[in-house]
PDB file of N, CA and C in Angstrom:
ATOM      1  N   MET A   1      -7.333  -4.990  -4.947  1.00  0.00           N
ATOM      2  CA  MET A   1      -8.290  -4.203  -5.178  1.00  0.00           C
ATOM      3  C   MET A   1      -8.742  -3.553  -4.086  1.00  0.00           C
ATOM      4  N   ALA A   2      -8.644  -3.817  -3.045  1.00  0.00           N
ATOM      5  CA  ALA A   2      -9.059  -3.454  -1.525  1.00  0.00           C
ATOM      6  C   ALA A   2      -8.506  -2.061  -1.363  1.00  0.00           C
ATOM      7  N   ASP A   3      -7.074  -1.855  -2.043  1.00  0.00           N
ATOM      8  CA  ASP A   3      -6.485  -0.692  -1.687  1.00  0.00           C
ATOM      9  C   ASP A   3      -7.265   0.448  -2.639  1.00  0.00           C
ATOM     10  N   ILE A   4      -7.625   0.085  -3.670  1.00  0.00           N
ATOM     11  CA  ILE A   4      -7.959   0.964  -4.780  1.00  0.00           C
ATOM     12  C   ILE A   4      -9.482   1.466  -4.256  1.00  0.00           C
ATOM     13  N   TYR A   5     -10.347   0.856  -3.853  1.00  0.00           N
ATOM     14  CA  TYR A   5     -11.815   1.167  -3.205  1.00  0.00           C
ATOM     15  C   TYR A   5     -11.611   2.119  -1.881  1.00  0.00           C
ATOM     16  N   LYS A   6     -10.507   1.519  -1.097  1.00  0.00           N
ATOM     17  CA  LYS A   6      -9.867   2.593  -0.124  1.00  0.00           C
ATOM     18  C   LYS A   6      -9.540   3.918  -0.189  1.00  0.00           C
ATOM     19  N   ALA A   7      -8.707   3.862  -1.225  1.00  0.00           N
ATOM     20  CA  ALA A   7      -8.525   5.214  -1.708  1.00  0.00           C
ATOM     21  C   ALA A   7      -9.175   5.835  -2.449  1.00  0.00           C
ATOM     22  N   LEU A   8     -10.225   5.514  -3.010  1.00  0.00           N
ATOM     23  CA  LEU A   8     -11.375   6.046  -3.690  1.00  0.00           C
ATOM     24  C   LEU A   8     -12.568   6.371  -3.054  1.00  0.00           C
ATOM     25  N   ALA A   9     -12.614   5.824  -1.412  1.00  0.00           N
ATOM     26  CA  ALA A   9     -13.761   6.270  -0.939  1.00  0.00           C
ATOM     27  C   ALA A   9     -13.554   7.556  -0.171  1.00  0.00           C
ATOM     28  N   ASP A  10     -12.151   8.076   0.011  1.00  0.00           N
ATOM     29  CA  ASP A  10     -12.268   9.383   0.488  1.00  0.00           C
ATOM     30  C   ASP A  10     -12.661  10.944  -0.786  1.00  0.00           C
ATOM     31  N   ARG A  11     -13.152  11.539  -0.005  1.00  0.00           N
ATOM     32  CA  ARG A  11     -13.188  12.695  -0.875  1.00  0.00           C
ATOM     33  C   ARG A  11     -11.752  13.656  -1.416  1.00  0.00           C
ATOM     34  N   THR A  12     -11.494  13.885  -0.259  1.00  0.00           N
ATOM     35  CA  THR A  12     -10.160  14.691  -0.485  1.00  0.00           C
ATOM     36  C   THR A  12      -9.343  13.747  -1.721  1.00  0.00           C
ATOM     37  N   ARG A  13      -9.156  12.572  -1.447  1.00  0.00           N
ATOM     38  CA  ARG A  13      -8.295  11.519  -2.344  1.00  0.00           C
ATOM     39  C   ARG A  13      -8.744  11.468  -3.598  1.00  0.00           C
ATOM     40  N   ARG A  14     -10.131  11.798  -4.022  1.00  0.00           N
ATOM     41  CA  ARG A  14     -10.782  11.856  -5.491  1.00  0.00           C
ATOM     42  C   ARG A  14     -10.540  13.441  -6.032  1.00  0.00           C
ATOM     43  N   ILE A  15     -10.619  13.989  -5.053  1.00  0.00           N
ATOM     44  CA  ILE A  15     -10.503  15.219  -5.262  1.00  0.00           C
ATOM     45  C   ILE A  15      -8.874  15.774  -5.755  1.00  0.00           C
ATOM     46  N   ILE A  16      -7.518  15.179  -5.302  1.00  0.00           N
ATOM     47  CA  ILE A  16      -6.409  15.188  -5.700  1.00  0.00           C
ATOM     48  C   ILE A  16      -6.084  14.679  -6.892  1.00  0.00           C
ATOM     49  N   LEU A  17      -6.726  13.357  -7.281  1.00  0.00           N
ATOM     50  CA  LEU A  17      -6.773  12.499  -8.405  1.00  0.00           C
ATOM     51  C   LEU A  17      -7.321  13.658  -9.277  1.00  0.00           C
ATOM     52  N   ASP A  18      -8.700  14.212  -9.184  1.00  0.00           N
ATOM     53  CA  ASP A  18      -9.149  15.132 -10.187  1.00  0.00           C
ATOM     54  C   ASP A  18      -8.162  16.136 -10.436  1.00  0.00           C
ATOM     55  N   GLU A  19      -7.492  16.764  -9.579  1.00  0.00           N
ATOM     56  CA  GLU A  19      -6.273  17.980 -10.016  1.00  0.00           C
ATOM     57  C   GLU A  19      -5.189  17.127 -10.837  1.00  0.00           C
ATOM     58  N   LEU A  20      -4.582  16.063 -10.260  1.00  0.00           N
ATOM     59  CA  LEU A  20      -3.862  15.149 -11.159  1.00  0.00           C
ATOM     60  C   LEU A  20      -4.275  15.152 -12.495  1.00  0.00           C
ATOM     61  N   ALA A  21      -5.425  14.917 -12.542  1.00  0.00           N
ATOM     62  CA  ALA A  21      -5.961  14.050 -14.123  1.00  0.00           C
ATOM     63  C   ALA A  21      -5.818  15.398 -14.836  1.00  0.00           C
ATOM     64  N   GLU A  22      -6.225  16.675 -14.167  1.00  0.00           N
ATOM     65  CA  GLU A  22      -6.091  17.957 -14.966  1.00  0.00           C
ATOM     66  C   GLU A  22      -4.758  18.611 -15.375  1.00  0.00           C
ATOM     67  N   ARG A  23      -3.706  18.326 -13.965  1.00  0.00           N
ATOM     68  CA  ARG A  23      -2.459  18.596 -14.395  1.00  0.00           C
ATOM     69  C   ARG A  23      -1.411  17.465 -13.856  1.00  0.00           C
ATOM     70  N   ASP A  24      -0.960  16.924 -14.545  1.00  0.00           N
ATOM     71  CA  ASP A  24       0.112  15.831 -13.804  1.00  0.00           C
ATOM     72  C   ASP A  24       1.302  16.533 -13.320  1.00  0.00           C
ATOM     73  N   GLY A  25       1.770  15.519 -12.580  1.00  0.00           N
ATOM     74  CA  GLY A  25       3.477  16.131 -12.423  1.00  0.00           C
ATOM     75  C   GLY A  25       3.585  17.499 -11.254  1.00  0.00           C
ATOM     76  N   GLN A  26       2.351  17.521  -9.891  1.00  0.00           N
ATOM     77  CA  GLN A  26       2.536  18.399  -9.339  1.00  0.00           C
ATOM     78  C   GLN A  26       3.104  18.173  -8.090  1.00  0.00           C
ATOM     79  N   THR A  27       3.906  18.709  -7.566  1.00  0.00           N
ATOM     80  CA  THR A  27       4.717  18.767  -5.937  1.00  0.00           C
ATOM     81  C   THR A  27       3.610  18.960  -4.942  1.00  0.00           C
ATOM     82  N   LEU A  28       4.039  18.401  -4.018  1.00  0.00           N
ATOM     83  CA  LEU A  28       3.148  18.318  -2.521  1.00  0.00           C
ATOM     84  C   LEU A  28       2.624  20.060  -2.269  1.00  0.00           C
ATOM     85  N   PHE A  29       3.492  21.098  -2.383  1.00  0.00           N
ATOM     86  CA  PHE A  29       3.177  22.507  -2.304  1.00  0.00           C
ATOM     87  C   PHE A  29       2.004  22.654  -3.594  1.00  0.00           C
ATOM     88  N   GLU A  30       2.092  22.297  -4.941  1.00  0.00           N
ATOM     89  CA  GLU A  30       1.148  22.517  -5.885  1.00  0.00           C
ATOM     90  C   GLU A  30      -0.242  22.013  -5.618  1.00  0.00           C
ATOM     91  N   ILE A  31      -0.378  20.605  -5.267  1.00  0.00           N
ATOM     92  CA  ILE A  31      -1.376  20.106  -5.171  1.00  0.00           C
ATOM     93  C   ILE A  31      -2.149  20.874  -3.815  1.00  0.00           C
ATOM     94  N   GLY A  32      -1.570  21.113  -2.673  1.00  0.00           N
ATOM     95  CA  GLY A  32      -2.280  22.156  -1.610  1.00  0.00           C
ATOM     96  C   GLY A  32      -2.572  23.333  -1.935  1.00  0.00           C
ATOM     97  N   ALA A  33      -2.077  24.263  -2.724  1.00  0.00           N
ATOM     98  CA  ALA A  33      -2.413  25.265  -3.079  1.00  0.00           C
ATOM     99  C   ALA A  33      -3.771  24.960  -3.862  1.00  0.00           C
ATOM    100  N   ARG A  34      -3.865  24.154  -4.861  1.00  0.00           N
ATOM    101  CA  ARG A  34      -4.880  23.751  -5.621  1.00  0.00           C
ATOM    102  C   ARG A  34      -6.153  23.462  -4.896  1.00  0.00           C
ATOM    103  N   LEU A  35      -5.701  22.997  -3.889  1.00  0.00           N
ATOM    104  CA  LEU A  35      -6.838  22.149  -3.030  1.00  0.00           C
ATOM    105  C   LEU A  35      -7.641  23.327  -2.481  1.00  0.00           C
ATOM    106  N   ALA A  36      -6.984  24.343  -1.904  1.00  0.00           N
ATOM    107  CA  ALA A  36      -6.980  25.136  -1.049  1.00  0.00           C
ATOM    108  C   ALA A  36      -8.221  26.566  -1.712  1.00  0.00           C
ATOM    109  N   SER A  37      -7.137  26.881  -3.221  1.00  0.00           N
ATOM    110  CA  SER A  37      -7.892  27.684  -4.074  1.00  0.00           C
ATOM    111  C   SER A  37      -9.022  27.499  -4.710  1.00  0.00           C
ATOM    112  N   LYS A  38      -9.246  26.198  -5.316  1.00  0.00           N
ATOM    113  CA  LYS A  38     -10.098  25.921  -5.978  1.00  0.00           C
ATOM    114  C   LYS A  38     -11.257  24.938  -5.382  1.00  0.00           C
ATOM    115  N   HIS A  39     -10.638  24.591  -4.201  1.00  0.00           N
ATOM    116  CA  HIS A  39     -11.739  23.395  -3.583  1.00  0.00           C
ATOM    117  C   HIS A  39     -12.180  23.818  -1.942  1.00  0.00           C
ATOM    118  N   GLN A  40     -11.544  24.818  -1.778  1.00  0.00           N
ATOM    119  CA  GLN A  40     -11.842  25.342  -0.068  1.00  0.00           C
ATOM    120  C   GLN A  40     -11.162  24.238   0.467  1.00  0.00           C
ATOM    121  N   LEU A  41     -10.571  23.665   0.243  1.00  0.00           N
ATOM    122  CA  LEU A  41      -9.946  22.378   1.396  1.00  0.00           C
ATOM    123  C   LEU A  41      -8.792  23.025   2.037  1.00  0.00           C
ATOM    124  N   SER A  42      -8.739  23.149   3.013  1.00  0.00           N
ATOM    125  CA  SER A  42      -7.720  23.616   4.310  1.00  0.00           C
ATOM    126  C   SER A  42      -7.199  22.656   4.966  1.00  0.00           C
ATOM    127  N   SER A  43      -6.044  21.731   4.275  1.00  0.00           N
ATOM    128  CA  SER A  43      -5.526  20.509   4.701  1.00  0.00           C
ATOM    129  C   SER A  43      -4.103  20.762   4.646  1.00  0.00           C
ATOM    130  N   THR A  44      -3.317  20.438   6.259  1.00  0.00           N
ATOM    131  CA  THR A  44      -1.746  20.649   6.324  1.00  0.00           C
ATOM    132  C   THR A  44      -1.644  19.741   5.218  1.00  0.00           C
ATOM    133  N   ARG A  45      -0.177  20.468   4.899  1.00  0.00           N
ATOM    134  CA  ARG A  45       1.090  19.510   4.186  1.00  0.00           C
ATOM    135  C   ARG A  45       1.470  17.846   4.735  1.00  0.00           C
ATOM    136  N   GLN A  46       0.986  18.072   5.699  1.00  0.00           N
ATOM    137  CA  GLN A  46       1.107  16.368   6.514  1.00  0.00           C
ATOM    138  C   GLN A  46      -0.010  15.387   6.028  1.00  0.00           C
ATOM    139  N   ALA A  47      -1.487  16.164   6.209  1.00  0.00           N
ATOM    140  CA  ALA A  47      -2.633  15.429   5.633  1.00  0.00           C
ATOM    141  C   ALA A  47      -2.439  15.110   4.377  1.00  0.00           C
ATOM    142  N   ILE A  48      -1.915  16.259   3.249  1.00  0.00           N
ATOM    143  CA  ILE A  48      -2.180  15.935   1.699  1.00  0.00           C
ATOM    144  C   ILE A  48      -1.184  14.526   1.534  1.00  0.00           C
ATOM    145  N   SER A  49      -0.003  14.292   2.420  1.00  0.00           N
ATOM    146  CA  SER A  49       1.119  13.731   1.958  1.00  0.00           C
ATOM    147  C   SER A  49       0.732  12.474   2.516  1.00  0.00           C
ATOM    148  N   GLN A  50      -0.050  12.153   3.489  1.00  0.00           N
ATOM    149  CA  GLN A  50      -1.003  10.899   3.870  1.00  0.00           C
ATOM    150  C   GLN A  50      -2.026  10.485   2.839  1.00  0.00           C
ATOM    151  N   HIS A  51      -2.983  11.476   2.473  1.00  0.00           N
ATOM    152  CA  HIS A  51      -3.449  10.940   1.361  1.00  0.00           C
ATOM    153  C   HIS A  51      -2.856  10.519   0.147  1.00  0.00           C
ATOM    154  N   LEU A  52      -1.508  11.087  -0.402  1.00  0.00           N
ATOM    155  CA  LEU A  52      -0.730  10.669  -1.092  1.00  0.00           C
ATOM    156  C   LEU A  52      -0.254   9.469  -0.981  1.00  0.00           C
ATOM    157  N   GLY A  53      -0.007   9.195   0.114  1.00  0.00           N
ATOM    158  CA  GLY A  53       0.638   7.804   0.224  1.00  0.00           C
ATOM    159  C   GLY A  53      -0.272   6.742   0.401  1.00  0.00           C
ATOM    160  N   VAL A  54      -1.618   7.311   0.520  1.00  0.00           N
ATOM    161  CA  VAL A  54      -2.806   5.902   0.395  1.00  0.00           C
ATOM    162  C   VAL A  54      -3.088   5.649  -1.012  1.00  0.00           C
ATOM    163  N   LEU A  55      -2.690   6.863  -2.022  1.00  0.00           N
ATOM    164  CA  LEU A  55      -3.064   6.858  -3.204  1.00  0.00           C
ATOM    165  C   LEU A  55      -1.998   6.044  -4.156  1.00  0.00           C
ATOM    166  N   GLU A  56      -1.006   6.392  -3.318  1.00  0.00           N
ATOM    167  CA  GLU A  56       0.325   5.313  -3.771  1.00  0.00           C
ATOM    168  C   GLU A  56       0.238   3.895  -3.643  1.00  0.00           C
ATOM    169  N   ASP A  57       0.059   3.691  -2.625  1.00  0.00           N
ATOM    170  CA  ASP A  57      -0.034   2.250  -1.685  1.00  0.00           C
ATOM    171  C   ASP A  57      -1.082   1.693  -2.982  1.00  0.00           C
ATOM    172  N   ALA A  58      -2.143   2.489  -3.251  1.00  0.00           N
ATOM    173  CA  ALA A  58      -3.356   1.927  -4.224  1.00  0.00           C
ATOM    174  C   ALA A  58      -2.560   1.744  -5.609  1.00  0.00           C
ATOM    175  N   SER A  59      -1.231   2.288  -6.176  1.00  0.00           N
ATOM    176  CA  SER A  59      -0.851   2.336  -7.101  1.00  0.00           C
ATOM    177  C   SER A  59      -1.627   3.234  -8.044  1.00  0.00           C
ATOM    178  N   LEU A  60      -2.053   4.133  -7.912  1.00  0.00           N
ATOM    179  CA  LEU A  60      -3.063   5.226  -8.281  1.00  0.00           C
ATOM    180  C   LEU A  60      -2.453   6.519  -8.660  1.00  0.00           C
ATOM    181  N   VAL A  61      -0.879   6.718  -7.807  1.00  0.00           N
ATOM    182  CA  VAL A  61      -0.119   7.955  -7.860  1.00  0.00           C
ATOM    183  C   VAL A  61       0.935   7.537  -7.787  1.00  0.00           C
ATOM    184  N   SER A  62       1.868   7.615  -8.997  1.00  0.00           N
ATOM    185  CA  SER A  62       3.381   7.389  -8.920  1.00  0.00           C
ATOM    186  C   SER A  62       4.204   8.570  -8.508  1.00  0.00           C
ATOM    187  N   THR A  63       5.452   8.548  -8.237  1.00  0.00           N
ATOM    188  CA  THR A  63       6.350   9.817  -7.815  1.00  0.00           C
ATOM    189  C   THR A  63       7.613   9.748  -8.528  1.00  0.00           C
ATOM    190  N   ARG A  64       7.924  10.775  -8.794  1.00  0.00           N
ATOM    191  CA  ARG A  64       9.408  11.264  -9.516  1.00  0.00           C
ATOM    192  C   ARG A  64      10.353  12.076  -8.660  1.00  0.00           C
ATOM    193  N   ARG A  65      11.295  11.963  -7.891  1.00  0.00           N
ATOM    194  CA  ARG A  65      11.982  12.981  -7.395  1.00  0.00           C
ATOM    195  C   ARG A  65      12.962  13.250  -8.099  1.00  0.00           C
ATOM    196  N   GLU A  66      13.305  14.866  -8.179  1.00  0.00           N
ATOM    197  CA  GLU A  66      14.486  15.909  -9.019  1.00  0.00           C
ATOM    198  C   GLU A  66      14.436  16.475  -8.038  1.00  0.00           C
ATOM    199  N   GLY A  67      15.796  16.004  -7.643  1.00  0.00           N
ATOM    200  CA  GLY A  67      16.348  17.066  -6.390  1.00  0.00           C
ATOM    201  C   GLY A  67      15.806  17.542  -5.229  1.00  0.00           C
ATOM    202  N   ARG A  68      15.282  18.642  -4.792  1.00  0.00           N
ATOM    203  CA  ARG A  68      14.486  18.654  -3.905  1.00  0.00           C
ATOM    204  C   ARG A  68      13.030  18.508  -3.576  1.00  0.00           C
ATOM    205  N   TYR A  69      12.636  18.365  -4.711  1.00  0.00           N
ATOM    206  CA  TYR A  69      11.190  18.386  -5.227  1.00  0.00           C
ATOM    207  C   TYR A  69      10.816  16.401  -5.730  1.00  0.00           C
ATOM    208  N   LYS A  70       9.525  16.521  -5.443  1.00  0.00           N
ATOM    209  CA  LYS A  70       8.981  15.127  -5.915  1.00  0.00           C
ATOM    210  C   LYS A  70       7.562  15.509  -6.291  1.00  0.00           C
ATOM    211  N   TYR A  71       7.421  15.082  -7.661  1.00  0.00           N
ATOM    212  CA  TYR A  71       6.361  14.917  -8.452  1.00  0.00           C
ATOM    213  C   TYR A  71       5.478  14.063  -8.617  1.00  0.00           C
ATOM    214  N   HIS A  72       4.156  14.453  -8.655  1.00  0.00           N
ATOM    215  CA  HIS A  72       2.834  12.992  -8.502  1.00  0.00           C
ATOM    216  C   HIS A  72       2.618  13.139  -9.448  1.00  0.00           C
ATOM    217  N   PHE A  73       2.191  11.638 -10.283  1.00  0.00           N
ATOM    218  CA  PHE A  73       1.488  11.517 -11.188  1.00  0.00           C
ATOM    219  C   PHE A  73       0.436  10.524 -11.261  1.00  0.00           C
ATOM    220  N   PHE A  74      -0.690  10.869 -11.825  1.00  0.00           N
ATOM    221  CA  PHE A  74      -2.109   9.860 -11.686  1.00  0.00           C
ATOM    222  C   PHE A  74      -1.730   8.804 -12.431  1.00  0.00           C
ATOM    223  N   ASN A  75      -1.635   7.425 -12.015  1.00  0.00           N
ATOM    224  CA  ASN A  75      -1.809   6.264 -12.583  1.00  0.00           C
ATOM    225  C   ASN A  75      -3.455   5.434 -13.032  1.00  0.00           C
ATOM    226  N   ARG A  76      -3.592   5.942 -14.185  1.00  0.00           N
ATOM    227  CA  ARG A  76      -5.109   5.247 -14.460  1.00  0.00           C
ATOM    228  C   ARG A  76      -5.141   3.868 -14.422  1.00  0.00           C
ATOM    229  N   THR A  77      -3.917   3.021 -14.692  1.00  0.00           N
ATOM    230  CA  THR A  77      -4.088   1.743 -14.902  1.00  0.00           C
ATOM    231  C   THR A  77      -4.634   0.853 -13.613  1.00  0.00           C
ATOM    232  N   PRO A  78      -4.675   1.115 -12.664  1.00  0.00           N
ATOM    233  CA  PRO A  78      -5.650   0.400 -11.570  1.00  0.00           C
ATOM    234  C   PRO A  78      -7.390   0.547 -11.880  1.00  0.00           C
ATOM    235  N   LEU A  79      -7.542   1.614 -12.497  1.00  0.00           N
ATOM    236  CA  LEU A  79      -8.893   1.843 -12.514  1.00  0.00           C
ATOM    237  C   LEU A  79      -9.554   0.764 -13.626  1.00  0.00           C
ATOM    238  N   SER A  80      -8.569   0.493 -14.483  1.00  0.00           N
ATOM    239  CA  SER A  80      -8.845  -0.453 -15.296  1.00  0.00           C
ATOM    240  C   SER A  80      -9.408  -1.703 -15.159  1.00  0.00           C
ATOM    241  N   GLU A  81      -8.859  -2.125 -13.530  1.00  0.00           N
ATOM    242  CA  GLU A  81      -9.031  -3.138 -13.174  1.00  0.00           C
ATOM    243  C   GLU A  81     -10.628  -3.381 -12.708  1.00  0.00           C
ATOM    244  N   ILE A  82     -11.131  -2.175 -12.402  1.00  0.00           N
ATOM    245  CA  ILE A  82     -12.447  -2.050 -11.777  1.00  0.00           C
ATOM    246  C   ILE A  82     -13.574  -2.503 -13.246  1.00  0.00           C
ATOM    247  N   ASN A  83     -13.165  -1.714 -14.410  1.00  0.00           N
ATOM    248  CA  ASN A  83     -13.937  -1.823 -15.376  1.00  0.00           C
ATOM    249  C   ASN A  83     -13.896  -3.362 -16.290  1.00  0.00           C
ATOM    250  N   ARG A  84     -12.810  -3.826 -15.918  1.00  0.00           N
ATOM    251  CA  ARG A  84     -12.798  -5.354 -16.572  1.00  0.00           C
ATOM    252  C   ARG A  84     -13.494  -6.409 -15.593  1.00  0.00           C
ATOM    253  N   ARG A  85     -13.725  -6.068 -14.499  1.00  0.00           N
ATOM    254  CA  ARG A  85     -14.483  -6.720 -13.388  1.00  0.00           C
ATOM    255  C   ARG A  85     -15.960  -6.406 -13.640  1.00  0.00           C
ATOM    256  N   TRP A  86     -16.328  -5.309 -13.758  1.00  0.00           N
ATOM    257  CA  TRP A  86     -17.624  -4.697 -14.183  1.00  0.00           C
ATOM    258  C   TRP A  86     -17.875  -4.248 -15.616  1.00  0.00           C
ATOM    259  N   PRO A  87     -17.853  -4.753 -16.735  1.00  0.00           N
ATOM    260  CA  PRO A  87     -17.592  -4.044 -17.815  1.00  0.00           C
ATOM    261  C   PRO A  87     -19.024  -3.722 -17.948  1.00  0.00           C
ATOM    262  N   ARG A  88     -19.327  -2.637 -18.835  1.00  0.00           N
ATOM    263  CA  ARG A  88     -20.524  -2.123 -19.405  1.00  0.00           C
ATOM    264  C   ARG A  88     -21.444  -3.206 -20.057  1.00  0.00           C
ATOM    265  N   LYS A  89     -22.382  -3.183 -20.280  1.00  0.00           N
ATOM    266  CA  LYS A  89     -23.568  -4.148 -21.179  1.00  0.00           C
ATOM    267  C   LYS A  89     -24.341  -3.354 -21.691  1.00  0.00           C
ATOM    268  N   ASP A  90     -23.711  -3.082 -23.276  1.00  0.00           N
ATOM    269  CA  ASP A  90     -24.447  -2.127 -23.889  1.00  0.00           C
ATOM    270  C   ASP A  90     -25.439  -2.601 -24.931  1.00  0.00           C
TER     271      ASP A  90
END
């Protein structure tokens, strides 16, 4: 669980998840372009790659390699652990 909270603590990583939630299966280049154009975040590819690594370590992002390209996918399953721990009381 600590990895999930660490991953979600950073604003850029939350934005990356927002972008993957909107359009799954993006490459590093596509994610970088969306961060720059929609959110005015000018991170280097290395920085974005490190953010993706943290998200992947927390199992919030999974990847699939096809030839030269690596595609990133949002995995919502770890977030359900948070909901199970603190369910809503309606």
